[in-house]
Amino acid sequence: MIKIVIKRDVSSQKIIEIEVKGHANSAEYGKDLICAAVSAIMIGGANSLLDKDYDFKMDEGHAYIKALDIPSDYDAVVLKTIETQLKTIEESEKKYVRIENL
C-alpha cells in the first residue's frame, strides 16, 4: 500500500509537506501503473515549484516535498494540485493508496 501524509501549516493552512511511502503492489515490479502515476505526480509537482526553500527526496518507495518556509501563493497552488491529483488516485484505488491529512 502507498501511504501519503499531507501536513499543513496551522496558521496559513497551506500545505508544507507531502510524504509518500510504500508501493501499491497492484502489478509486478516495473509494471505497476498506480506507483507510476503517484511518482509522476510527485516529480512533476516538485519540478513545478518556484521557491527554493524545499527539502526533496525522490527514491524508490519514498518521496517527499517539505517546505522549509511557508510557500508562496503560487507554490501553494502547486502543492494543492499535487494533493488533488493524489486524492483522485486514492478515490479510484482505495485498496492501494491511503491519504492522511495532518
Foldseek 3Di string as FASTA:
>chain_A
DKEWEWEADPPPRFTFKIKIADFLPPDPPPPDVLVVQLLCLQVVLVVPADDPQWDWDDDVGITMIGGPDRGDPSNSVSVVVSVVSLVVSCVVCVSRYDYDYD
